[in-house]
Protein backbone atom coordinates (compact mmCIF):
# COMPACT_ATOMS: atom_id res chain seq x y z
CA MET A 1 96.13 106.12 98.38
CA THR A 2 99.13 106.75 100.62
CA GLU A 3 101.94 104.22 100.59
CA LYS A 4 102.08 102.65 104.06
CA ARG A 5 105.59 101.69 105.08
CA ILE A 6 105.96 102.10 108.77
CA ALA A 7 109.44 102.89 110.04
CA ASP A 8 110.16 100.92 113.20
CA LYS A 9 113.11 103.10 114.21
CA VAL A 10 114.08 106.66 113.31
CA VAL A 11 117.39 108.25 114.27
CA PHE A 12 117.20 112.02 114.11
CA ALA A 13 118.93 115.22 115.05
CA ALA A 14 117.99 118.87 114.83
CA GLY A 15 120.26 121.85 114.75
CA PRO A 16 120.57 125.44 113.63
CA CYS A 17 121.24 126.39 110.04
CA TYR A 18 121.02 129.53 107.95
CA LEU A 19 117.34 128.76 107.31
CA GLY A 20 116.43 128.56 111.01
CA TYR A 21 116.52 124.98 112.28
CA ILE A 22 116.87 121.76 110.33
CA LEU A 23 115.83 118.28 111.43
CA VAL A 24 117.07 115.18 109.60
CA GLY A 25 115.57 111.75 110.27
CA VAL A 26 116.80 108.40 108.96
CA SER A 27 114.91 105.11 108.94
CA LYS A 28 116.39 101.76 107.91
CA ARG A 29 115.35 102.54 104.30
CA GLY A 30 117.04 105.94 104.13
CA ILE A 31 116.45 109.58 104.93
CA CYS A 32 112.78 109.89 105.85
CA ALA A 33 112.63 113.51 106.97
CA ILE A 34 114.36 116.80 106.30
CA THR A 35 112.33 119.57 107.84
CA LEU A 36 112.92 123.27 108.37
CA GLY A 37 111.45 125.63 110.93
CA ASP A 38 111.95 128.22 113.63
CA ASP A 39 111.60 125.92 116.65
CA PRO A 40 113.50 122.61 116.93
CA ASP A 41 111.00 121.31 119.50
CA VAL A 42 108.15 121.72 117.00
CA LEU A 43 110.20 119.92 114.35
CA VAL A 44 110.75 117.00 116.75
CA GLN A 45 107.06 116.90 117.75
CA ASN A 46 106.04 116.79 114.08
CA LEU A 47 108.46 113.94 113.41
CA GLN A 48 107.09 112.03 116.40
CA LYS A 49 103.53 112.49 115.12
CA ARG A 50 104.48 111.38 111.62
CA PHE A 51 106.25 108.26 112.88
CA SER A 52 104.16 107.65 115.98
CA ASN A 53 104.82 103.90 116.05
CA ALA A 54 108.58 104.18 115.58
CA THR A 55 111.25 104.10 118.25
CA MET A 56 112.96 107.49 118.18
CA SER A 57 116.67 107.80 118.81
CA VAL A 58 118.36 111.15 119.24
CA ASP A 59 121.49 110.11 121.12
CA ASN A 60 123.90 109.38 118.29
CA PRO A 61 126.92 111.74 118.41
CA ASP A 62 128.14 110.76 114.94
CA PHE A 63 124.74 111.47 113.43
CA ASN A 64 124.47 114.76 115.31
CA ARG A 65 127.81 115.84 113.84
CA LEU A 66 126.74 114.79 110.37
CA VAL A 67 123.46 116.68 110.66
CA SER A 68 125.53 119.79 111.26
CA ILE A 69 127.13 119.05 107.88
CA VAL A 70 123.66 118.80 106.33
CA GLY A 71 122.75 122.08 108.04
CA GLY A 72 125.75 123.68 106.39
CA THR A 73 124.83 121.93 103.18
CA ALA A 74 121.37 123.48 103.33
CA GLU A 75 123.13 126.81 103.21
CA SER A 76 125.20 125.93 100.16
CA MET A 77 122.69 123.54 98.58
CA ARG A 78 125.27 120.78 98.09
CA VAL A 79 122.75 118.15 99.21
CA ASN A 80 121.00 118.42 95.84
CA LYS A 81 123.95 116.74 94.15
CA TRP A 82 124.18 113.93 96.70
CA GLU A 83 122.79 110.52 95.79
CA LEU A 84 121.47 109.62 99.22
CA PRO A 85 119.01 106.80 99.92
CA LEU A 86 115.62 108.35 100.56
CA ASP A 87 112.67 106.77 102.38
CA ILE A 88 109.91 108.73 100.67
CA GLN A 89 106.36 107.93 101.70
CA GLY A 90 103.45 109.28 99.71
CA THR A 91 100.86 108.52 97.09
CA ALA A 92 101.70 107.39 93.56
CA PHE A 93 100.81 110.89 92.29
CA GLN A 94 103.03 112.56 94.89
CA HIS A 95 105.91 110.28 93.90
CA ARG A 96 105.48 111.30 90.25
CA VAL A 97 105.60 114.97 91.25
CA TRP A 98 108.55 114.53 93.63
CA ASN A 99 110.52 112.56 91.02
CA SER A 100 109.93 115.37 88.53
CA LEU A 101 111.08 117.95 91.09
CA ARG A 102 114.32 116.04 91.60
CA GLN A 103 115.03 116.46 87.88
CA ILE A 104 114.96 120.27 88.04
CA PRO A 105 118.56 121.43 87.61
CA TYR A 106 120.28 123.30 90.43
CA GLY A 107 119.59 127.02 90.17
CA LYS A 108 116.67 126.60 87.73
CA LEU A 109 112.97 127.16 88.30
CA ARG A 110 109.90 125.44 86.86
CA SER A 111 106.25 126.33 87.18
CA TYR A 112 103.60 124.13 88.74
CA ALA A 113 102.12 123.89 85.24
CA ASP A 114 105.49 122.70 83.86
CA ILE A 115 105.58 119.92 86.46
CA ALA A 116 101.96 118.94 85.72
CA LYS A 117 102.83 118.62 82.02
CA ASP A 118 106.03 116.76 82.82
CA ILE A 119 104.16 114.06 84.75
CA GLY A 120 101.52 113.72 82.04
CA SER A 121 98.70 115.46 83.95
CA PRO A 122 98.56 118.97 82.46
CA ASP A 123 95.27 119.80 84.19
CA ALA A 124 96.55 118.83 87.65
CA VAL A 125 98.33 122.08 88.49
CA ARG A 126 96.61 122.48 91.87
CA ALA A 127 97.32 118.84 92.74
CA VAL A 128 100.99 119.41 91.87
CA ALA A 129 101.04 122.38 94.26
CA ASN A 130 99.46 120.21 96.97
CA ALA A 131 102.08 117.49 96.40
CA CYS A 132 104.81 120.12 96.77
CA GLY A 133 103.21 121.19 100.05
CA ALA A 134 103.23 117.59 101.30
CA ASN A 135 106.95 117.09 100.56
CA PRO A 136 108.61 115.56 103.67
CA LEU A 137 112.19 116.10 102.46
CA ALA A 138 113.01 119.78 102.21
CA ILE A 139 115.94 120.53 99.90
CA ALA A 140 116.45 116.86 98.86
CA ILE A 141 113.17 117.12 96.95
CA PRO A 142 113.58 120.70 95.77
CA CYS A 143 110.02 122.00 95.82
CA HIS A 144 111.52 125.46 96.41
CA ARG A 145 112.38 125.44 92.67
CA VAL A 146 108.70 125.50 91.69
CA VAL A 147 107.00 128.85 91.08
CA ARG A 148 103.75 130.13 89.65
CA THR A 149 103.39 130.48 85.89
CA ASP A 150 104.02 134.24 86.20
CA ASN A 151 107.34 133.45 87.98
CA THR A 152 106.16 134.69 91.38
CA ILE A 153 107.25 132.62 94.36
CA GLY A 154 103.94 131.10 95.51
CA GLY A 155 103.67 129.02 98.67
CA TYR A 156 106.23 126.89 100.46
CA ARG A 157 105.64 124.41 103.26
CA TRP A 158 108.68 125.70 105.15
CA GLY A 159 107.86 129.41 104.66
CA ILE A 160 108.08 131.79 101.72
CA GLU A 161 111.15 133.58 103.12
CA ARG A 162 113.01 130.26 103.21
CA LYS A 163 111.96 129.58 99.63
CA LYS A 164 113.29 132.96 98.53
CA THR A 165 116.52 132.37 100.45
CA LEU A 166 117.01 128.92 98.89
CA CYS A 167 116.44 130.30 95.39
CA GLU A 168 118.96 133.07 96.07
CA MET A 169 121.48 130.59 97.44
CA GLU A 170 121.27 128.54 94.29
CA LYS A 171 122.78 131.42 92.37
CA ILE A 172 126.08 130.42 94.05
CA ASP A 173 128.02 127.32 92.95
CA PRO A 174 127.72 124.41 95.41
CA GLU A 175 130.72 122.70 96.95
CA GLU A 176 131.09 119.03 97.88
CA ASP A 177 132.49 119.36 101.44
CA GLY A 178 131.06 116.84 103.90
CA ARG A 179 129.29 114.64 101.36
CA GLN A 180 131.49 111.57 101.70
CA ASP A 181 131.27 111.56 105.50
CA PHE A 182 127.50 111.83 105.45
CA GLU A 183 127.06 109.19 102.71
CA LYS A 184 129.34 106.79 104.59
CA TRP A 185 127.42 107.28 107.85
CA VAL A 186 124.05 106.70 106.13
CA GLU A 187 125.33 103.52 104.43
CA THR A 188 126.75 102.18 107.72
CA TYR A 189 123.59 103.07 109.62
CA LEU A 190 121.36 101.35 107.07
CA LYS A 191 123.48 98.17 107.27
CA ASP A 192 123.41 98.23 111.08
CA MET A 193 119.60 98.48 111.11
CA ASP A 194 119.16 95.22 109.19
């Protein structure tokens, strides 16, 4: 069963990053979308479909500037160390998988089988892979760190080349630049939405 929490308003911005384009969406509960792709219009259309009952707002200059920080962060992977409020919608099983993924250390890889064992469902390897494919928060929920048991890359919702790039990037130490500005904006935005 999917958890049904409908966002009534989503502020979002899309912009270029090393991985193509990144879209970040924030609801009153937290970041509800981080998506990657080749076409920003497609990313926006997918967000609108996912939150079809929400009011969409794209005209927020401060947020647009901060999304450019996240875009840069996607390149350096700093976002993995940030403790940002996330509005994660999914089934109970997906939440178990996504919570396990968030425990994978920066620069490390785990297999789908490792994650299945970690969540107490060792026979659910395929279901773990499906949960990774349903992840709505690229990078923040690091499904790119999950590989097949033989250490081959496997699939990735945002494209195998992006997964390879992210894994390569994680071989470089992350920096903290931009984190405080983005965290402050998210906190202020969440308070203003109440």
